[in-house]
Amino acid sequence: MKLILIGIQGAGKSTQGNLLSAKLKVHYLSTGHIFRIMAKEHTPIGRQIKVVMNAGLLISDEKTLQIVSEYLARPEYQEGYILDGFPRTLGQVKAFKNGIDKVVYLKISDKEALWRIAGREDGSREDETLMAVRKRIEAFHEFTEPVLGYYRKKKQLIEVDGEQKITDIQKEILKKIGLARGK
C-alpha cells in the first residue's frame, strides 16, 4: 500500500502516519522530519533548508523531489509506504512517478492547527514560530489545495475530519481505504 497524508501543519499527519505504519506494516516517511534533520547538519544544503524552513517557506520542488526519490529508492520502501508532507505542489505531483494508491486529507481548520501547535508539549521547534506557522498555513492554501483537487479528480482522495479523536480518525482512514469494516 502506498499512501500520502496531506494536511496543514498540526493536522495530525505524524500521529496518523506512525499509527498506520504499525497497522499496515509499511514504512512511514515524513519530509518535514527529514528536512529538520538535514537543517541541523552543518552543510550548505542543511543551512539552506534551515533558512527556508524557519521562514515558513517551502523547499523547492526540485530539491524536495530529489530527496524524496532518494529515500523511496531504499529497500524498506519497496513494499509500500506512507508519505507525510509530500507532494505539496502540483509541480511535485506531476514529477512524482511512484504510483500512489490513496491520498488521505486530514482536514482541520486553520484555528485548530494554531491551537494544536501552540499546545505541543515537546517544546517549540525552531521552525514553529507563529510567523512561520502562519506562512506555512498560507502556503498550504495557495500551493497544496490544488494538489487536493488533482487527486480528487483522479478519485484517489479520501477526506477525513481531522478534528475527531485520534482513534476515530484512524478507524475512518482504515474504513475509507478499504481495510476495516464499518463498525
N, C-alpha and C. Protein backbone atom coordinates (compact mmCIF):
# COMPACT_ATOMS: atom_id res chain seq x y z
N MET A 1 0.85 -1.19 0.00
CA MET A 1 0.00 0.00 0.00
C MET A 1 0.88 1.24 0.00
N LYS A 2 0.55 2.17 -0.87
CA LYS A 2 1.26 3.45 -0.95
C LYS A 2 0.26 4.56 -0.66
N LEU A 3 0.46 5.21 0.50
CA LEU A 3 -0.44 6.27 0.94
C LEU A 3 0.30 7.59 1.05
N ILE A 4 -0.44 8.66 0.84
CA ILE A 4 0.06 10.00 1.10
C ILE A 4 -0.87 10.61 2.15
N LEU A 5 -0.28 11.27 3.13
CA LEU A 5 -1.05 12.03 4.13
C LEU A 5 -0.85 13.51 3.85
N ILE A 6 -1.95 14.23 3.70
CA ILE A 6 -1.89 15.66 3.44
C ILE A 6 -2.73 16.38 4.49
N GLY A 7 -2.25 17.52 4.92
CA GLY A 7 -2.98 18.37 5.86
C GLY A 7 -2.08 19.51 6.28
N ILE A 8 -2.69 20.56 6.81
CA ILE A 8 -1.87 21.68 7.25
C ILE A 8 -1.08 21.27 8.49
N GLN A 9 -0.06 22.05 8.80
CA GLN A 9 0.76 21.76 9.96
C GLN A 9 -0.14 21.66 11.19
N GLY A 10 0.04 20.60 11.97
CA GLY A 10 -0.78 20.39 13.16
C GLY A 10 -2.00 19.51 12.92
N ALA A 11 -2.19 19.03 11.69
CA ALA A 11 -3.38 18.24 11.36
C ALA A 11 -3.33 16.82 11.92
N GLY A 12 -2.16 16.37 12.35
CA GLY A 12 -2.05 15.02 12.89
C GLY A 12 -1.46 14.01 11.92
N LYS A 13 -0.77 14.50 10.89
CA LYS A 13 -0.19 13.60 9.89
C LYS A 13 0.83 12.66 10.53
N SER A 14 1.69 13.18 11.37
CA SER A 14 2.71 12.36 12.01
C SER A 14 2.08 11.31 12.92
N THR A 15 1.11 11.72 13.71
CA THR A 15 0.41 10.78 14.59
C THR A 15 -0.22 9.66 13.79
N GLN A 16 -1.00 10.02 12.78
CA GLN A 16 -1.68 9.00 11.96
C GLN A 16 -0.68 8.20 11.14
N GLY A 17 0.37 8.85 10.64
CA GLY A 17 1.38 8.15 9.86
C GLY A 17 2.04 7.04 10.66
N ASN A 18 2.39 7.33 11.91
CA ASN A 18 3.01 6.31 12.76
C ASN A 18 2.04 5.20 13.11
N LEU A 19 0.79 5.55 13.42
CA LEU A 19 -0.22 4.53 13.74
C LEU A 19 -0.49 3.63 12.53
N LEU A 20 -0.66 4.25 11.37
CA LEU A 20 -0.94 3.48 10.15
C LEU A 20 0.25 2.62 9.75
N SER A 21 1.45 3.12 9.95
CA SER A 21 2.65 2.36 9.64
C SER A 21 2.68 1.06 10.43
N ALA A 22 2.38 1.16 11.72
CA ALA A 22 2.36 -0.05 12.56
C ALA A 22 1.24 -0.99 12.14
N LYS A 23 0.08 -0.43 11.84
CA LYS A 23 -1.09 -1.25 11.48
C LYS A 23 -0.92 -1.92 10.11
N LEU A 24 -0.42 -1.16 9.14
CA LEU A 24 -0.31 -1.66 7.77
C LEU A 24 1.02 -2.35 7.48
N LYS A 25 1.95 -2.23 8.41
CA LYS A 25 3.29 -2.83 8.28
C LYS A 25 4.03 -2.32 7.05
N VAL A 26 3.95 -1.00 6.83
CA VAL A 26 4.75 -0.33 5.81
C VAL A 26 5.45 0.85 6.49
N HIS A 27 6.53 1.28 5.89
CA HIS A 27 7.33 2.35 6.49
C HIS A 27 6.69 3.72 6.29
N TYR A 28 6.91 4.56 7.28
CA TYR A 28 6.40 5.93 7.30
C TYR A 28 7.55 6.87 7.00
N LEU A 29 7.33 7.83 6.12
CA LEU A 29 8.36 8.79 5.73
C LEU A 29 7.78 10.20 5.79
N SER A 30 8.33 11.01 6.68
CA SER A 30 7.90 12.39 6.83
C SER A 30 8.95 13.32 6.23
N THR A 31 8.57 14.09 5.21
CA THR A 31 9.53 15.02 4.63
C THR A 31 9.91 16.09 5.64
N GLY A 32 8.97 16.52 6.47
CA GLY A 32 9.30 17.51 7.50
C GLY A 32 10.37 17.00 8.43
N HIS A 33 10.27 15.74 8.83
CA HIS A 33 11.26 15.14 9.72
C HIS A 33 12.63 15.08 9.02
N ILE A 34 12.63 14.66 7.77
CA ILE A 34 13.88 14.60 7.00
C ILE A 34 14.51 15.99 6.92
N PHE A 35 13.68 16.99 6.59
CA PHE A 35 14.21 18.35 6.44
C PHE A 35 14.73 18.90 7.77
N ARG A 36 14.06 18.59 8.89
CA ARG A 36 14.55 19.07 10.19
C ARG A 36 15.89 18.44 10.54
N ILE A 37 16.06 17.16 10.20
CA ILE A 37 17.36 16.51 10.42
C ILE A 37 18.44 17.17 9.56
N MET A 38 18.12 17.38 8.29
CA MET A 38 19.08 17.99 7.38
C MET A 38 19.43 19.41 7.81
N ALA A 39 18.45 20.14 8.35
CA ALA A 39 18.67 21.52 8.78
C ALA A 39 19.66 21.61 9.94
N LYS A 40 19.82 20.52 10.69
CA LYS A 40 20.77 20.50 11.82
C LYS A 40 22.19 20.22 11.36
N GLU A 41 22.33 19.74 10.13
CA GLU A 41 23.65 19.40 9.60
C GLU A 41 24.36 20.69 9.18
N HIS A 42 25.65 20.72 9.42
CA HIS A 42 26.45 21.90 9.05
C HIS A 42 26.99 21.73 7.64
N THR A 43 26.03 21.64 6.71
CA THR A 43 26.37 21.50 5.29
C THR A 43 25.68 22.64 4.55
N PRO A 44 26.12 22.94 3.33
CA PRO A 44 25.44 24.00 2.57
C PRO A 44 23.94 23.73 2.40
N ILE A 45 23.57 22.49 2.06
CA ILE A 45 22.14 22.18 1.88
C ILE A 45 21.41 22.25 3.21
N GLY A 46 22.05 21.81 4.29
CA GLY A 46 21.44 21.88 5.61
C GLY A 46 21.16 23.32 6.02
N ARG A 47 22.12 24.20 5.80
CA ARG A 47 21.93 25.62 6.15
C ARG A 47 20.83 26.25 5.29
N GLN A 48 20.79 25.87 4.01
CA GLN A 48 19.77 26.41 3.10
C GLN A 48 18.38 25.96 3.55
N ILE A 49 18.24 24.68 3.87
CA ILE A 49 16.95 24.15 4.31
C ILE A 49 16.51 24.82 5.61
N LYS A 50 17.44 25.03 6.54
CA LYS A 50 17.12 25.67 7.81
C LYS A 50 16.57 27.07 7.60
N VAL A 51 17.20 27.85 6.75
CA VAL A 51 16.74 29.21 6.48
C VAL A 51 15.34 29.20 5.87
N VAL A 52 15.13 28.34 4.90
CA VAL A 52 13.84 28.26 4.22
C VAL A 52 12.74 27.83 5.20
N MET A 53 13.00 26.78 5.98
CA MET A 53 12.00 26.27 6.93
C MET A 53 11.69 27.29 8.03
N ASN A 54 12.71 27.92 8.57
CA ASN A 54 12.48 28.89 9.64
C ASN A 54 11.69 30.10 9.17
N ALA A 55 11.73 30.36 7.86
CA ALA A 55 10.94 31.47 7.30
C ALA A 55 9.51 31.02 6.98
N GLY A 56 9.24 29.71 7.15
CA GLY A 56 7.90 29.20 6.87
C GLY A 56 7.65 28.96 5.40
N LEU A 57 8.70 28.91 4.61
CA LEU A 57 8.57 28.72 3.17
C LEU A 57 8.73 27.24 2.81
N LEU A 58 8.43 26.91 1.56
CA LEU A 58 8.56 25.54 1.08
C LEU A 58 9.93 25.32 0.45
N ILE A 59 10.47 24.14 0.67
CA ILE A 59 11.71 23.74 -0.01
C ILE A 59 11.35 23.60 -1.49
N SER A 60 12.28 23.93 -2.37
CA SER A 60 11.99 23.91 -3.81
C SER A 60 11.52 22.53 -4.26
N ASP A 61 10.68 22.53 -5.31
CA ASP A 61 10.19 21.27 -5.87
C ASP A 61 11.34 20.36 -6.26
N GLU A 62 12.32 20.93 -6.95
CA GLU A 62 13.45 20.14 -7.44
C GLU A 62 14.18 19.45 -6.29
N LYS A 63 14.51 20.20 -5.23
CA LYS A 63 15.24 19.64 -4.10
C LYS A 63 14.38 18.62 -3.36
N THR A 64 13.10 18.93 -3.16
CA THR A 64 12.21 18.01 -2.46
C THR A 64 12.08 16.69 -3.23
N LEU A 65 11.87 16.77 -4.53
CA LEU A 65 11.75 15.56 -5.36
C LEU A 65 13.02 14.72 -5.31
N GLN A 66 14.16 15.37 -5.35
CA GLN A 66 15.44 14.66 -5.29
C GLN A 66 15.56 13.91 -3.97
N ILE A 67 15.27 14.58 -2.86
CA ILE A 67 15.41 13.96 -1.54
C ILE A 67 14.41 12.82 -1.36
N VAL A 68 13.14 13.05 -1.70
CA VAL A 68 12.12 12.01 -1.55
C VAL A 68 12.44 10.81 -2.44
N SER A 69 12.86 11.05 -3.66
CA SER A 69 13.19 9.95 -4.58
C SER A 69 14.35 9.12 -4.05
N GLU A 70 15.35 9.78 -3.47
CA GLU A 70 16.49 9.05 -2.89
C GLU A 70 16.02 8.14 -1.75
N TYR A 71 15.14 8.65 -0.90
CA TYR A 71 14.63 7.84 0.22
C TYR A 71 13.80 6.67 -0.30
N LEU A 72 12.88 6.94 -1.23
CA LEU A 72 11.99 5.88 -1.70
C LEU A 72 12.70 4.81 -2.52
N ALA A 73 13.93 5.08 -2.94
CA ALA A 73 14.72 4.08 -3.66
C ALA A 73 15.30 3.04 -2.70
N ARG A 74 15.24 3.32 -1.41
CA ARG A 74 15.78 2.38 -0.41
C ARG A 74 14.89 1.13 -0.34
N PRO A 75 15.52 -0.02 -0.01
CA PRO A 75 14.78 -1.29 0.02
C PRO A 75 13.54 -1.29 0.92
N GLU A 76 13.60 -0.63 2.06
CA GLU A 76 12.47 -0.69 3.00
C GLU A 76 11.19 -0.05 2.47
N TYR A 77 11.29 0.73 1.41
CA TYR A 77 10.10 1.39 0.86
C TYR A 77 9.55 0.68 -0.37
N GLN A 78 10.15 -0.43 -0.77
CA GLN A 78 9.74 -1.11 -1.99
C GLN A 78 8.39 -1.81 -1.86
N GLU A 79 8.02 -2.21 -0.66
CA GLU A 79 6.74 -2.91 -0.45
C GLU A 79 5.58 -1.95 -0.15
N GLY A 80 5.87 -0.68 -0.12
CA GLY A 80 4.85 0.32 0.18
C GLY A 80 5.36 1.31 1.20
N TYR A 81 4.57 2.36 1.42
CA TYR A 81 4.99 3.41 2.34
C TYR A 81 3.83 4.35 2.64
N ILE A 82 4.05 5.14 3.65
CA ILE A 82 3.13 6.22 3.99
C ILE A 82 3.97 7.50 3.94
N LEU A 83 3.61 8.40 3.04
CA LEU A 83 4.34 9.65 2.86
C LEU A 83 3.59 10.78 3.53
N ASP A 84 4.30 11.58 4.30
CA ASP A 84 3.71 12.72 5.00
C ASP A 84 4.43 13.98 4.53
N GLY A 85 3.66 14.95 4.07
CA GLY A 85 4.24 16.23 3.69
C GLY A 85 4.74 16.30 2.26
N PHE A 86 4.33 15.37 1.46
CA PHE A 86 4.73 15.34 0.06
C PHE A 86 3.66 14.59 -0.72
N PRO A 87 3.28 15.06 -1.86
CA PRO A 87 3.67 16.29 -2.54
C PRO A 87 2.89 17.50 -2.03
N ARG A 88 3.53 18.64 -2.09
CA ARG A 88 2.89 19.88 -1.60
C ARG A 88 2.52 20.83 -2.73
N THR A 89 2.99 20.56 -3.94
CA THR A 89 2.68 21.43 -5.07
C THR A 89 2.29 20.58 -6.27
N LEU A 90 1.61 21.20 -7.23
CA LEU A 90 1.26 20.48 -8.45
C LEU A 90 2.50 20.06 -9.22
N GLY A 91 3.55 20.87 -9.17
CA GLY A 91 4.81 20.50 -9.81
C GLY A 91 5.36 19.20 -9.26
N GLN A 92 5.30 19.03 -7.93
CA GLN A 92 5.76 17.80 -7.31
C GLN A 92 4.88 16.62 -7.71
N VAL A 93 3.56 16.85 -7.74
CA VAL A 93 2.62 15.79 -8.13
C VAL A 93 2.95 15.28 -9.52
N LYS A 94 3.12 16.20 -10.46
CA LYS A 94 3.32 15.83 -11.85
C LYS A 94 4.68 15.16 -12.09
N ALA A 95 5.68 15.50 -11.27
CA ALA A 95 7.00 14.90 -11.44
C ALA A 95 7.17 13.60 -10.66
N PHE A 96 6.27 13.32 -9.73
CA PHE A 96 6.38 12.14 -8.87
C PHE A 96 5.83 10.93 -9.61
N LYS A 97 6.63 9.91 -9.76
CA LYS A 97 6.26 8.74 -10.59
C LYS A 97 6.19 7.45 -9.78
N ASN A 98 5.80 7.51 -8.51
CA ASN A 98 5.84 6.31 -7.70
C ASN A 98 4.50 5.62 -7.48
N GLY A 99 3.50 5.94 -8.25
CA GLY A 99 2.23 5.23 -8.15
C GLY A 99 1.62 5.19 -6.77
N ILE A 100 0.65 6.01 -6.52
CA ILE A 100 0.01 6.13 -5.22
C ILE A 100 -1.34 5.41 -5.23
N ASP A 101 -1.65 4.71 -4.13
CA ASP A 101 -2.96 4.07 -4.01
C ASP A 101 -4.03 5.06 -3.56
N LYS A 102 -3.77 5.74 -2.45
CA LYS A 102 -4.74 6.70 -1.91
C LYS A 102 -4.03 7.89 -1.28
N VAL A 103 -4.75 9.01 -1.26
CA VAL A 103 -4.26 10.23 -0.62
C VAL A 103 -5.27 10.58 0.47
N VAL A 104 -4.79 10.66 1.70
CA VAL A 104 -5.65 10.93 2.84
C VAL A 104 -5.45 12.39 3.25
N TYR A 105 -6.52 13.15 3.17
CA TYR A 105 -6.50 14.56 3.57
C TYR A 105 -7.09 14.68 4.97
N LEU A 106 -6.24 15.02 5.93
CA LEU A 106 -6.68 15.25 7.31
C LEU A 106 -7.09 16.71 7.40
N LYS A 107 -8.38 16.92 7.37
CA LYS A 107 -8.93 18.27 7.26
C LYS A 107 -9.18 18.87 8.64
N ILE A 108 -8.49 19.98 8.95
CA ILE A 108 -8.74 20.74 10.17
C ILE A 108 -8.74 22.22 9.81
N SER A 109 -9.33 23.02 10.68
CA SER A 109 -9.37 24.46 10.44
C SER A 109 -8.01 25.09 10.76
N ASP A 110 -7.76 26.25 10.20
CA ASP A 110 -6.53 26.98 10.50
C ASP A 110 -6.44 27.27 11.99
N LYS A 111 -7.55 27.64 12.58
CA LYS A 111 -7.59 27.96 14.02
C LYS A 111 -7.20 26.74 14.86
N GLU A 112 -7.74 25.58 14.51
CA GLU A 112 -7.41 24.34 15.22
C GLU A 112 -5.92 24.02 15.09
N ALA A 113 -5.36 24.23 13.88
CA ALA A 113 -3.94 23.97 13.67
C ALA A 113 -3.09 24.85 14.58
N LEU A 114 -3.43 26.12 14.65
CA LEU A 114 -2.67 27.04 15.50
C LEU A 114 -2.78 26.65 16.98
N TRP A 115 -3.97 26.24 17.42
CA TRP A 115 -4.16 25.80 18.81
C TRP A 115 -3.31 24.57 19.10
N ARG A 116 -3.33 23.62 18.20
CA ARG A 116 -2.57 22.38 18.42
C ARG A 116 -1.08 22.65 18.50
N ILE A 117 -0.58 23.46 17.60
CA ILE A 117 0.86 23.74 17.58
C ILE A 117 1.27 24.52 18.84
N ALA A 118 0.43 25.48 19.24
CA ALA A 118 0.72 26.27 20.45
C ALA A 118 0.73 25.38 21.69
N GLY A 119 -0.04 24.30 21.68
CA GLY A 119 -0.16 23.43 22.84
C GLY A 119 0.76 22.23 22.86
N ARG A 120 1.68 22.14 21.92
CA ARG A 120 2.58 20.99 21.90
C ARG A 120 3.47 20.99 23.14
N GLU A 121 3.61 19.80 23.70
CA GLU A 121 4.36 19.66 24.95
C GLU A 121 5.86 19.49 24.75
N ASP A 122 6.27 19.12 23.56
CA ASP A 122 7.69 18.83 23.35
C ASP A 122 8.53 20.08 23.15
N GLY A 123 7.98 21.24 23.45
CA GLY A 123 8.73 22.48 23.28
C GLY A 123 8.63 22.95 21.84
N SER A 124 8.75 24.21 21.68
CA SER A 124 8.61 24.78 20.34
C SER A 124 9.82 24.47 19.49
N ARG A 125 9.57 23.96 18.31
CA ARG A 125 10.66 23.74 17.37
C ARG A 125 11.04 25.07 16.77
N GLU A 126 12.25 25.14 16.28
CA GLU A 126 12.76 26.37 15.69
C GLU A 126 11.92 26.82 14.49
N ASP A 127 11.32 25.86 13.79
CA ASP A 127 10.52 26.19 12.61
C ASP A 127 9.03 26.37 12.94
N GLU A 128 8.69 26.45 14.22
CA GLU A 128 7.28 26.60 14.62
C GLU A 128 6.99 27.94 15.29
N THR A 129 7.66 28.99 14.85
CA THR A 129 7.28 30.31 15.34
C THR A 129 5.92 30.64 14.76
N LEU A 130 5.19 31.52 15.43
CA LEU A 130 3.86 31.89 14.96
C LEU A 130 3.91 32.38 13.52
N MET A 131 4.89 33.21 13.21
CA MET A 131 5.00 33.75 11.85
C MET A 131 5.26 32.63 10.84
N ALA A 132 6.17 31.70 11.18
CA ALA A 132 6.48 30.60 10.26
C ALA A 132 5.27 29.70 10.05
N VAL A 133 4.55 29.40 11.12
CA VAL A 133 3.37 28.54 11.02
C VAL A 133 2.30 29.20 10.17
N ARG A 134 2.07 30.48 10.40
CA ARG A 134 1.06 31.19 9.59
C ARG A 134 1.45 31.19 8.11
N LYS A 135 2.74 31.39 7.83
CA LYS A 135 3.20 31.37 6.44
C LYS A 135 2.98 29.99 5.84
N ARG A 136 3.24 28.94 6.63
CA ARG A 136 3.06 27.58 6.14
C ARG A 136 1.59 27.28 5.88
N ILE A 137 0.71 27.79 6.72
CA ILE A 137 -0.73 27.61 6.51
C ILE A 137 -1.15 28.33 5.23
N GLU A 138 -0.65 29.55 5.03
CA GLU A 138 -0.94 30.28 3.79
C GLU A 138 -0.43 29.51 2.58
N ALA A 139 0.77 28.96 2.70
CA ALA A 139 1.36 28.18 1.59
C ALA A 139 0.52 26.94 1.31
N PHE A 140 -0.01 26.32 2.37
CA PHE A 140 -0.88 25.15 2.18
C PHE A 140 -2.08 25.54 1.32
N HIS A 141 -2.74 26.64 1.67
CA HIS A 141 -3.93 27.05 0.91
C HIS A 141 -3.56 27.42 -0.53
N GLU A 142 -2.43 28.06 -0.71
CA GLU A 142 -2.04 28.50 -2.04
C GLU A 142 -1.53 27.37 -2.93
N PHE A 143 -0.65 26.53 -2.38
CA PHE A 143 0.03 25.54 -3.20
C PHE A 143 -0.51 24.12 -3.07
N THR A 144 -0.99 23.74 -1.89
CA THR A 144 -1.37 22.34 -1.67
C THR A 144 -2.84 22.08 -1.94
N GLU A 145 -3.70 23.07 -1.75
CA GLU A 145 -5.11 22.84 -2.07
C GLU A 145 -5.31 22.43 -3.53
N PRO A 146 -4.55 22.99 -4.49
CA PRO A 146 -4.68 22.49 -5.87
C PRO A 146 -4.27 21.01 -6.00
N VAL A 147 -3.34 20.56 -5.15
CA VAL A 147 -2.95 19.14 -5.13
C VAL A 147 -4.15 18.29 -4.73
N LEU A 148 -4.90 18.76 -3.75
CA LEU A 148 -6.11 18.04 -3.32
C LEU A 148 -7.09 17.92 -4.48
N GLY A 149 -7.26 19.00 -5.21
CA GLY A 149 -8.15 18.97 -6.38
C GLY A 149 -7.68 17.99 -7.44
N TYR A 150 -6.39 17.92 -7.65
CA TYR A 150 -5.81 16.98 -8.62
C TYR A 150 -6.15 15.54 -8.24
N TYR A 151 -5.90 15.18 -6.97
CA TYR A 151 -6.18 13.81 -6.53
C TYR A 151 -7.69 13.53 -6.42
N ARG A 152 -8.47 14.56 -6.15
CA ARG A 152 -9.94 14.40 -6.10
C ARG A 152 -10.44 14.01 -7.49
N LYS A 153 -9.94 14.69 -8.52
CA LYS A 153 -10.34 14.38 -9.90
C LYS A 153 -9.95 12.95 -10.30
N LYS A 154 -8.82 12.49 -9.78
CA LYS A 154 -8.34 11.13 -10.09
C LYS A 154 -9.02 10.08 -9.20
N LYS A 155 -9.94 10.52 -8.34
CA LYS A 155 -10.68 9.64 -7.43
C LYS A 155 -9.75 8.88 -6.48
N GLN A 156 -8.66 9.53 -6.08
CA GLN A 156 -7.72 8.93 -5.14
C GLN A 156 -7.78 9.61 -3.77
N LEU A 157 -8.50 10.71 -3.67
CA LEU A 157 -8.52 11.49 -2.43
C LEU A 157 -9.57 10.98 -1.46
N ILE A 158 -9.15 10.83 -0.22
CA ILE A 158 -10.04 10.48 0.89
C ILE A 158 -9.98 11.65 1.87
N GLU A 159 -11.13 12.22 2.17
CA GLU A 159 -11.16 13.33 3.13
C GLU A 159 -11.63 12.82 4.48
N VAL A 160 -10.88 13.19 5.51
CA VAL A 160 -11.17 12.74 6.87
C VAL A 160 -11.21 13.95 7.79
N ASP A 161 -12.20 13.99 8.65
CA ASP A 161 -12.29 15.06 9.64
C ASP A 161 -11.17 14.86 10.65
N GLY A 162 -10.16 15.70 10.59
CA GLY A 162 -9.00 15.59 11.46
C GLY A 162 -9.20 16.17 12.84
N GLU A 163 -10.40 16.65 13.14
CA GLU A 163 -10.67 17.23 14.45
C GLU A 163 -11.36 16.24 15.39
N GLN A 164 -11.44 14.97 14.98
CA GLN A 164 -12.00 13.91 15.82
C GLN A 164 -10.92 13.38 16.76
N LYS A 165 -11.31 12.43 17.61
CA LYS A 165 -10.33 11.76 18.45
C LYS A 165 -9.37 10.96 17.55
N ILE A 166 -8.15 10.80 18.00
CA ILE A 166 -7.12 10.11 17.23
C ILE A 166 -7.58 8.72 16.79
N THR A 167 -8.18 7.96 17.70
CA THR A 167 -8.62 6.60 17.35
C THR A 167 -9.74 6.62 16.32
N ASP A 168 -10.62 7.60 16.40
CA ASP A 168 -11.71 7.71 15.43
C ASP A 168 -11.18 8.08 14.05
N ILE A 169 -10.16 8.92 14.03
CA ILE A 169 -9.55 9.30 12.75
C ILE A 169 -8.93 8.06 12.10
N GLN A 170 -8.19 7.29 12.89
CA GLN A 170 -7.57 6.08 12.35
C GLN A 170 -8.61 5.11 11.81
N LYS A 171 -9.69 4.90 12.57
CA LYS A 171 -10.76 3.99 12.12
C LYS A 171 -11.36 4.47 10.81
N GLU A 172 -11.60 5.77 10.71
CA GLU A 172 -12.19 6.32 9.49
C GLU A 172 -11.25 6.14 8.30
N ILE A 173 -9.96 6.36 8.51
CA ILE A 173 -9.00 6.18 7.42
C ILE A 173 -9.00 4.72 6.97
N LEU A 174 -8.88 3.80 7.92
CA LEU A 174 -8.85 2.38 7.57
C LEU A 174 -10.11 1.95 6.83
N LYS A 175 -11.25 2.47 7.27
CA LYS A 175 -12.51 2.14 6.60
C LYS A 175 -12.52 2.68 5.16
N LYS A 176 -12.09 3.93 5.00
CA LYS A 176 -12.15 4.56 3.68
C LYS A 176 -11.12 4.01 2.69
N ILE A 177 -10.02 3.43 3.20
CA ILE A 177 -9.07 2.81 2.29
C ILE A 177 -9.39 1.33 2.09
N GLY A 178 -10.48 0.88 2.72
CA GLY A 178 -10.97 -0.47 2.49
C GLY A 178 -10.31 -1.53 3.34
N LEU A 179 -9.73 -1.15 4.47
CA LEU A 179 -9.04 -2.13 5.31
C LEU A 179 -9.74 -2.38 6.65
N ALA A 180 -10.94 -1.84 6.80
CA ALA A 180 -11.70 -2.12 8.05
C ALA A 180 -13.17 -2.08 7.70
N ARG A 181 -13.91 -2.86 8.44
CA ARG A 181 -15.36 -2.87 8.26
C ARG A 181 -15.96 -1.70 9.00
N GLY A 182 -17.07 -1.21 8.54
CA GLY A 182 -17.76 -0.12 9.24
C GLY A 182 -18.28 -0.62 10.56
N LYS A 183 -17.68 -0.14 11.65
CA LYS A 183 -18.10 -0.58 12.98
C LYS A 183 -18.70 0.57 13.72
